[in-house]
Amino acid sequence: MRISEFQALIHRTYHERDAKRGLETDMLWLMEEVGELAEAIRKRDRKGAEEEFADVLAWLVTAASISGIDVEKAALAKYGKGCPRCGSIPCSCPEHPAPKQWP
């Protein structure tokens, strides 16, 4: 499934309710899910992290939809040719070391 397909699925499933709540409230839900993801990672709970990654992505595309933004298009525009700062794949910026691998 492409990101745009996932965004459309979440839009069809939840948009009416999410739009009523409003962007600010939906962003609070996104931040809560990011916190839950951080906790799952801290605890090395892989199953929990998988669920929280999915929740974070769902709330992220919700906020984008309410804002009229296509996440896939925006991501490709910024990162489609590599690092937006140095233009390299992988990034060769000295101040941006590669992230640690998942255990």
N, C-alpha and C. Protein backbone atom coordinates (compact mmCIF):
# COMPACT_ATOMS: atom_id res chain seq x y z
N MET A 1 0.85 -1.18 0.00
CA MET A 1 0.00 0.00 0.00
C MET A 1 0.89 1.24 0.00
N ARG A 2 0.60 2.16 -0.87
CA ARG A 2 1.32 3.43 -0.93
C ARG A 2 0.83 4.34 0.20
N ILE A 3 1.64 5.33 0.54
CA ILE A 3 1.26 6.26 1.60
C ILE A 3 -0.04 6.97 1.23
N SER A 4 -0.18 7.36 -0.03
CA SER A 4 -1.40 8.06 -0.45
C SER A 4 -2.63 7.16 -0.31
N GLU A 5 -2.47 5.87 -0.54
CA GLU A 5 -3.58 4.94 -0.37
C GLU A 5 -3.95 4.81 1.10
N PHE A 6 -2.94 4.76 1.96
CA PHE A 6 -3.20 4.70 3.40
C PHE A 6 -3.89 5.98 3.87
N GLN A 7 -3.41 7.12 3.39
CA GLN A 7 -4.03 8.39 3.77
C GLN A 7 -5.49 8.40 3.33
N ALA A 8 -5.78 7.90 2.14
CA ALA A 8 -7.17 7.85 1.65
C ALA A 8 -8.01 6.90 2.49
N LEU A 9 -7.44 5.77 2.89
CA LEU A 9 -8.16 4.81 3.74
C LEU A 9 -8.51 5.43 5.08
N ILE A 10 -7.55 6.08 5.72
CA ILE A 10 -7.81 6.72 7.01
C ILE A 10 -8.83 7.85 6.83
N HIS A 11 -8.73 8.58 5.73
CA HIS A 11 -9.69 9.66 5.46
C HIS A 11 -11.11 9.09 5.35
N ARG A 12 -11.28 8.02 4.57
CA ARG A 12 -12.61 7.41 4.43
C ARG A 12 -13.13 6.88 5.75
N THR A 13 -12.25 6.36 6.56
CA THR A 13 -12.64 5.71 7.81
C THR A 13 -12.97 6.71 8.92
N TYR A 14 -12.18 7.78 9.05
CA TYR A 14 -12.28 8.64 10.23
C TYR A 14 -12.49 10.13 9.96
N HIS A 15 -12.44 10.57 8.71
CA HIS A 15 -12.37 12.02 8.45
C HIS A 15 -13.52 12.82 9.07
N GLU A 16 -14.74 12.33 8.95
CA GLU A 16 -15.87 13.10 9.48
C GLU A 16 -15.69 13.39 10.97
N ARG A 17 -15.33 12.36 11.73
CA ARG A 17 -15.13 12.52 13.17
C ARG A 17 -13.91 13.39 13.46
N ASP A 18 -12.81 13.14 12.72
CA ASP A 18 -11.58 13.90 12.96
C ASP A 18 -11.76 15.37 12.63
N ALA A 19 -12.47 15.67 11.56
CA ALA A 19 -12.70 17.06 11.16
C ALA A 19 -13.53 17.79 12.21
N LYS A 20 -14.50 17.11 12.80
CA LYS A 20 -15.32 17.72 13.86
C LYS A 20 -14.46 18.10 15.07
N ARG A 21 -13.52 17.22 15.41
CA ARG A 21 -12.64 17.49 16.55
C ARG A 21 -11.75 18.69 16.27
N GLY A 22 -11.28 18.78 15.04
CA GLY A 22 -10.42 19.90 14.65
C GLY A 22 -8.95 19.53 14.70
N LEU A 23 -8.17 20.28 13.95
CA LEU A 23 -6.74 20.00 13.80
C LEU A 23 -5.99 20.06 15.13
N GLU A 24 -6.26 21.05 15.96
CA GLU A 24 -5.52 21.16 17.22
C GLU A 24 -5.72 19.94 18.10
N THR A 25 -6.96 19.46 18.22
CA THR A 25 -7.23 18.29 19.03
C THR A 25 -6.61 17.04 18.41
N ASP A 26 -6.71 16.92 17.09
CA ASP A 26 -6.09 15.78 16.42
C ASP A 26 -4.57 15.78 16.60
N MET A 27 -3.96 16.96 16.62
CA MET A 27 -2.52 17.04 16.86
C MET A 27 -2.18 16.58 18.28
N LEU A 28 -3.05 16.86 19.24
CA LEU A 28 -2.82 16.36 20.60
C LEU A 28 -2.85 14.84 20.63
N TRP A 29 -3.79 14.24 19.88
CA TRP A 29 -3.83 12.78 19.78
C TRP A 29 -2.55 12.26 19.15
N LEU A 30 -2.06 12.91 18.10
CA LEU A 30 -0.80 12.51 17.47
C LEU A 30 0.34 12.54 18.47
N MET A 31 0.43 13.61 19.24
CA MET A 31 1.51 13.73 20.22
C MET A 31 1.41 12.65 21.29
N GLU A 32 0.19 12.32 21.70
CA GLU A 32 0.01 11.23 22.67
C GLU A 32 0.53 9.92 22.10
N GLU A 33 0.22 9.66 20.84
CA GLU A 33 0.68 8.42 20.21
C GLU A 33 2.19 8.40 20.06
N VAL A 34 2.82 9.55 19.77
CA VAL A 34 4.28 9.62 19.70
C VAL A 34 4.88 9.27 21.06
N GLY A 35 4.26 9.77 22.13
CA GLY A 35 4.72 9.43 23.48
C GLY A 35 4.61 7.94 23.76
N GLU A 36 3.51 7.33 23.34
CA GLU A 36 3.33 5.89 23.53
C GLU A 36 4.35 5.10 22.71
N LEU A 37 4.68 5.59 21.53
CA LEU A 37 5.71 4.95 20.71
C LEU A 37 7.06 5.03 21.39
N ALA A 38 7.39 6.21 21.91
CA ALA A 38 8.66 6.38 22.62
C ALA A 38 8.75 5.43 23.82
N GLU A 39 7.67 5.28 24.53
CA GLU A 39 7.66 4.38 25.68
C GLU A 39 7.86 2.93 25.24
N ALA A 40 7.19 2.51 24.17
CA ALA A 40 7.36 1.14 23.67
C ALA A 40 8.80 0.89 23.24
N ILE A 41 9.40 1.88 22.59
CA ILE A 41 10.80 1.73 22.17
C ILE A 41 11.71 1.66 23.38
N ARG A 42 11.46 2.54 24.35
CA ARG A 42 12.28 2.53 25.58
C ARG A 42 12.22 1.19 26.28
N LYS A 43 11.03 0.57 26.28
CA LYS A 43 10.83 -0.73 26.92
C LYS A 43 11.26 -1.90 26.03
N ARG A 44 11.70 -1.58 24.81
CA ARG A 44 12.08 -2.61 23.84
C ARG A 44 10.93 -3.57 23.56
N ASP A 45 9.72 -3.01 23.53
CA ASP A 45 8.49 -3.77 23.26
C ASP A 45 8.21 -3.68 21.76
N ARG A 46 8.72 -4.65 21.00
CA ARG A 46 8.61 -4.60 19.55
C ARG A 46 7.15 -4.62 19.09
N LYS A 47 6.33 -5.51 19.66
CA LYS A 47 4.92 -5.59 19.27
C LYS A 47 4.22 -4.26 19.55
N GLY A 48 4.45 -3.72 20.74
CA GLY A 48 3.86 -2.44 21.09
C GLY A 48 4.34 -1.33 20.16
N ALA A 49 5.62 -1.34 19.82
CA ALA A 49 6.16 -0.33 18.92
C ALA A 49 5.52 -0.43 17.55
N GLU A 50 5.32 -1.64 17.06
CA GLU A 50 4.67 -1.81 15.75
C GLU A 50 3.28 -1.16 15.76
N GLU A 51 2.52 -1.42 16.81
CA GLU A 51 1.18 -0.84 16.93
C GLU A 51 1.24 0.68 17.02
N GLU A 52 2.18 1.20 17.79
CA GLU A 52 2.29 2.64 17.96
C GLU A 52 2.79 3.33 16.71
N PHE A 53 3.70 2.68 15.96
CA PHE A 53 4.12 3.26 14.68
C PHE A 53 2.90 3.41 13.77
N ALA A 54 2.04 2.40 13.75
CA ALA A 54 0.83 2.46 12.93
C ALA A 54 -0.08 3.59 13.40
N ASP A 55 -0.25 3.74 14.71
CA ASP A 55 -1.09 4.81 15.25
C ASP A 55 -0.53 6.18 14.90
N VAL A 56 0.79 6.35 15.04
CA VAL A 56 1.42 7.63 14.73
C VAL A 56 1.21 7.96 13.26
N LEU A 57 1.40 6.98 12.39
CA LEU A 57 1.19 7.23 10.96
C LEU A 57 -0.26 7.59 10.67
N ALA A 58 -1.20 6.90 11.30
CA ALA A 58 -2.62 7.20 11.08
C ALA A 58 -2.96 8.62 11.53
N TRP A 59 -2.48 9.03 12.69
CA TRP A 59 -2.78 10.40 13.16
C TRP A 59 -2.03 11.44 12.34
N LEU A 60 -0.84 11.11 11.85
CA LEU A 60 -0.11 12.04 11.00
C LEU A 60 -0.86 12.30 9.70
N VAL A 61 -1.34 11.24 9.05
CA VAL A 61 -2.08 11.45 7.79
C VAL A 61 -3.43 12.10 8.05
N THR A 62 -4.00 11.87 9.23
CA THR A 62 -5.24 12.57 9.60
C THR A 62 -5.01 14.07 9.64
N ALA A 63 -3.97 14.49 10.34
CA ALA A 63 -3.66 15.92 10.43
C ALA A 63 -3.37 16.50 9.04
N ALA A 64 -2.67 15.75 8.23
CA ALA A 64 -2.37 16.21 6.87
C ALA A 64 -3.65 16.36 6.06
N SER A 65 -4.53 15.38 6.14
CA SER A 65 -5.79 15.44 5.39
C SER A 65 -6.62 16.65 5.78
N ILE A 66 -6.73 16.88 7.08
CA ILE A 66 -7.49 18.03 7.55
C ILE A 66 -6.86 19.33 7.06
N SER A 67 -5.54 19.31 6.88
CA SER A 67 -4.82 20.49 6.40
C SER A 67 -4.77 20.58 4.87
N GLY A 68 -5.33 19.57 4.19
CA GLY A 68 -5.32 19.56 2.73
C GLY A 68 -3.97 19.21 2.13
N ILE A 69 -3.19 18.42 2.84
CA ILE A 69 -1.84 18.06 2.38
C ILE A 69 -1.77 16.58 2.06
N ASP A 70 -1.22 16.25 0.91
CA ASP A 70 -0.95 14.88 0.49
C ASP A 70 0.43 14.52 1.03
N VAL A 71 0.48 13.65 2.04
CA VAL A 71 1.74 13.32 2.71
C VAL A 71 2.74 12.70 1.75
N GLU A 72 2.29 11.80 0.90
CA GLU A 72 3.21 11.15 -0.03
C GLU A 72 3.84 12.18 -0.97
N LYS A 73 3.05 13.06 -1.52
CA LYS A 73 3.55 14.08 -2.42
C LYS A 73 4.54 15.00 -1.69
N ALA A 74 4.18 15.41 -0.48
CA ALA A 74 5.05 16.29 0.30
C ALA A 74 6.38 15.60 0.64
N ALA A 75 6.32 14.32 1.03
CA ALA A 75 7.54 13.59 1.38
C ALA A 75 8.44 13.42 0.17
N LEU A 76 7.86 13.09 -0.97
CA LEU A 76 8.66 12.93 -2.18
C LEU A 76 9.26 14.25 -2.63
N ALA A 77 8.52 15.33 -2.49
CA ALA A 77 9.03 16.65 -2.88
C ALA A 77 10.25 17.03 -2.03
N LYS A 78 10.22 16.67 -0.75
CA LYS A 78 11.32 17.06 0.13
C LYS A 78 12.46 16.05 0.14
N TYR A 79 12.15 14.75 0.16
CA TYR A 79 13.16 13.72 0.35
C TYR A 79 13.37 12.80 -0.85
N GLY A 80 12.64 13.01 -1.93
CA GLY A 80 12.68 12.11 -3.08
C GLY A 80 14.02 12.02 -3.78
N LYS A 81 14.88 13.02 -3.61
CA LYS A 81 16.20 13.00 -4.25
C LYS A 81 17.32 12.85 -3.24
N GLY A 82 16.98 12.46 -2.01
CA GLY A 82 17.99 12.28 -0.97
C GLY A 82 17.86 13.33 0.11
N CYS A 83 18.91 13.50 0.84
CA CYS A 83 18.94 14.47 1.94
C CYS A 83 18.68 15.86 1.38
N PRO A 84 17.70 16.58 1.93
CA PRO A 84 17.41 17.92 1.42
C PRO A 84 18.55 18.92 1.64
N ARG A 85 19.46 18.63 2.56
CA ARG A 85 20.57 19.55 2.83
C ARG A 85 21.77 19.29 1.93
N CYS A 86 22.19 18.01 1.84
CA CYS A 86 23.41 17.71 1.08
C CYS A 86 23.12 17.05 -0.26
N GLY A 87 21.88 16.57 -0.44
CA GLY A 87 21.50 15.93 -1.69
C GLY A 87 22.01 14.52 -1.87
N SER A 88 22.60 13.96 -0.84
CA SER A 88 23.19 12.62 -0.95
C SER A 88 22.29 11.53 -0.40
N ILE A 89 22.49 10.33 -0.94
CA ILE A 89 21.89 9.11 -0.41
C ILE A 89 23.03 8.11 -0.27
N PRO A 90 23.44 7.73 0.95
CA PRO A 90 22.95 8.23 2.24
C PRO A 90 23.43 9.66 2.51
N CYS A 91 22.81 10.27 3.48
CA CYS A 91 23.15 11.63 3.88
C CYS A 91 24.63 11.69 4.25
N SER A 92 25.30 12.74 3.77
CA SER A 92 26.71 12.92 4.12
C SER A 92 26.93 14.18 4.95
N CYS A 93 25.87 14.74 5.52
CA CYS A 93 26.00 15.90 6.39
C CYS A 93 26.75 15.48 7.66
N PRO A 94 27.82 16.19 8.04
CA PRO A 94 28.58 15.79 9.21
C PRO A 94 27.81 15.90 10.52
N GLU A 95 26.86 16.83 10.61
CA GLU A 95 26.15 17.02 11.87
C GLU A 95 24.92 16.12 12.00
N HIS A 96 24.68 15.24 11.04
CA HIS A 96 23.54 14.33 11.08
C HIS A 96 24.02 12.88 11.01
N PRO A 97 24.48 12.31 12.12
CA PRO A 97 24.94 10.93 12.06
C PRO A 97 23.76 9.99 11.79
N ALA A 98 24.07 8.83 11.24
CA ALA A 98 23.02 7.84 10.96
C ALA A 98 22.37 7.41 12.27
N PRO A 99 21.05 7.20 12.27
CA PRO A 99 20.37 6.75 13.49
C PRO A 99 20.81 5.34 13.85
N LYS A 100 20.70 5.02 15.14
CA LYS A 100 21.02 3.67 15.60
C LYS A 100 20.01 2.68 15.04
N GLN A 101 20.45 1.49 14.78
CA GLN A 101 19.58 0.43 14.27
C GLN A 101 18.65 -0.06 15.36
N TRP A 102 17.45 -0.49 14.94
CA TRP A 102 16.50 -1.13 15.86
C TRP A 102 17.12 -2.43 16.34
N PRO A 103 17.00 -2.74 17.64
CA PRO A 103 17.66 -3.95 18.17
C PRO A 103 17.20 -5.22 17.50
